[in-house]
């Protein structure tokens, strides 16, 4: 059953386990399936700039259902916008950038791309009461959505038609609503929009690399691996416990 919050118009998804039996009642014929149950959930969250984000409950976690687009840390300090390809690689402080350096066209569609130094800054870019997920919190999400081999399909926003290739099983059943904002490598400008979605974890691998999660356009899986801290990726926040 689908319920809409009359004030916000939200549709939120909670995954719960369902037991099914094929052709009998024996224990061997039972398997654990997962079914998306749409429920009323948390109200939207507002960042320092006044941007309002939808939120979705998946299992026991509450996630933003949109990419972060804030341009200030919590204390009001601006996060520098650095479009210059010659400056970006050598940064060791927080920065953001926009696709085509055009926030008016892409801010509300894809959000900003941040380097890891912005993610790790103690002034924090997440709204109060929220944080950038750790590696363990990303893994909890993976598990809740059935494991890394199938989780990606349940996260992709296919209604927007922004993915340039769509895996046959993609359905956004979780309500995570992942959009393919691409990313920015250590060298060069933003790219691969329409093809990949990539988000930082707050967990560093070492002095140069930190973990990130991502989706492919033509696969139903979700990937994770360390990326250089000077890369530019999207950010999703999860609500504090």
Foldseek 3Di string as FASTA:
>chain_A
DWDADVVQRDKAWEKDWDWDADPDDDPVRIDIDIAIDIDDDDAWDAFPVGDTFDWYDYHNWIWTLAWAADQAFRVRHGAAEDQDLVPLLPDPAKHKYAVVSDCVPPCRPHHIWIFLNQLQDPSHRDHPQKHFAAPVVVVVQQVSCPHQQANQLLQAQPVVVLAPAAAPSRDVSRSSHFAQQAWFASGDGGDPHNFKAKEFHNAAPDPFWGKMKMDGRHGRGIDMDIGGSSIIHTTMIIGDD
